[in-house]
Protein backbone atom coordinates (compact mmCIF):
# COMPACT_ATOMS: atom_id res chain seq x y z
CA MET A 1 0.35 -0.09 -0.16
CA THR A 2 1.27 3.42 -1.32
CA LEU A 3 1.48 6.21 1.25
CA ARG A 4 -1.58 7.77 -0.14
CA GLU A 5 -3.46 4.91 -0.22
CA ALA A 6 -2.84 4.75 3.26
CA GLU A 7 -3.63 8.43 3.61
CA ARG A 8 -6.98 8.03 1.87
CA ARG A 9 -8.18 5.40 4.07
CA ALA A 10 -7.52 7.03 7.15
CA ARG A 11 -9.39 9.73 5.36
CA GLN A 12 -12.17 7.69 4.87
CA ARG A 13 -12.50 6.67 8.17
CA GLN A 14 -12.46 9.90 9.90
CA GLN A 15 -15.42 10.85 7.98
CA SER A 16 -17.31 7.57 8.37
CA GLU A 17 -17.03 7.55 12.53
CA PRO A 18 -19.78 10.97 12.81
CA VAL A 19 -22.29 8.47 10.94
CA ARG A 20 -21.59 5.55 13.07
CA ASP A 21 -21.46 7.74 16.23
CA ARG A 22 -25.25 8.95 14.47
CA GLU A 23 -26.28 5.29 13.44
CA THR A 24 -25.29 4.42 17.59
CA GLU A 25 -27.21 7.16 18.72
CA LEU A 26 -30.33 5.86 17.02
CA ASN A 27 -29.38 2.69 17.50
CA GLN A 28 -30.30 3.57 21.70
CA HIS A 29 -33.87 5.37 20.98
CA ARG A 30 -34.96 2.37 19.30
CA VAL A 31 -38.09 0.35 20.57
CA LEU A 32 -37.68 -3.00 21.21
CA SER A 33 -41.04 -4.55 21.16
CA PHE A 34 -41.97 -7.15 24.56
CA LEU A 35 -41.28 -10.01 22.83
CA GLU A 36 -37.74 -8.13 21.49
CA TRP A 37 -36.61 -7.92 24.72
CA CYS A 38 -37.57 -10.69 26.42
CA LEU A 39 -35.05 -12.67 24.01
CA LEU A 40 -32.72 -10.22 24.17
CA ASN A 41 -32.65 -10.76 28.42
CA GLY A 42 -32.93 -14.06 27.58
CA PHE A 43 -36.23 -15.01 29.90
CA SER A 44 -39.69 -15.82 28.66
CA PRO A 45 -42.62 -13.22 28.11
CA ALA A 46 -44.29 -15.15 31.32
CA THR A 47 -40.68 -13.91 33.03
CA GLY A 48 -41.04 -10.57 31.32
CA ARG A 49 -44.61 -9.39 32.72
CA ARG A 50 -43.67 -10.76 36.25
CA ILE A 51 -40.70 -8.19 36.37
CA LEU A 52 -42.48 -5.51 34.73
CA LYS A 53 -45.21 -5.87 37.04
CA SER A 54 -42.79 -5.79 40.04
CA GLY A 55 -42.16 -2.37 39.25
CA THR A 56 -38.01 -3.50 39.04
CA GLY A 57 -38.03 -3.60 35.45
CA PRO A 58 -37.42 -1.15 32.60
CA THR A 59 -39.15 2.38 31.89
CA ILE A 60 -41.08 1.04 29.20
CA THR A 61 -42.76 2.63 26.58
CA GLN A 62 -46.57 2.95 25.88
CA LEU A 63 -46.69 2.71 22.16
CA SER A 64 -50.33 2.06 21.81
CA PRO A 65 -53.23 1.82 24.49
CA ARG A 66 -52.30 -2.11 24.42
CA ARG A 67 -49.10 -2.17 23.28
CA ILE A 68 -45.71 -2.07 25.04
CA GLY A 69 -42.22 -1.13 24.21
CA ILE A 70 -38.61 -0.76 25.52
CA THR A 71 -36.18 1.51 24.25
CA VAL A 72 -32.22 -0.64 23.97
CA ALA A 73 -31.17 2.74 26.06
CA ASN A 74 -34.03 2.19 29.02
CA ASN A 75 -32.73 -1.56 28.94
CA ALA A 76 -28.84 -1.17 29.12
CA ARG A 77 -30.02 1.70 32.62
CA TRP A 78 -32.07 -1.54 33.59
CA GLN A 79 -29.23 -4.22 33.26
CA GLN A 80 -26.75 -1.53 34.31
CA THR A 81 -28.70 -1.67 37.27
CA LEU A 82 -29.03 -5.09 38.25
CA GLU A 83 -25.15 -5.40 38.10
CA ARG A 84 -23.73 -6.17 41.22
CA PRO A 85 -19.75 -7.32 41.97
CA SER A 86 -18.49 -10.34 41.60
CA GLY A 87 -18.03 -11.57 45.09
CA ASP A 88 -21.45 -11.03 45.77
CA ALA A 89 -22.19 -14.02 44.01
CA GLU A 90 -24.58 -16.71 45.77
């Protein structure tokens, strides 16, 4: 690879970084359906309903009178509340 090719590739990477940042930002606002949220977190819909009913689940987004969703960002915040040091394992 010549020096010019390397410089051209470096410029292309720098130009694409703002696009990646925007995609990441948009992804944080994506609303997961209830079932997608359950599948993403690896539990059944019954467990998902139990978590939400208990009030310890993530903040939900009311999509319609009978449909809810959870944004990717709210799911990540909820997961962070569940974190604990590894020495606290049962």
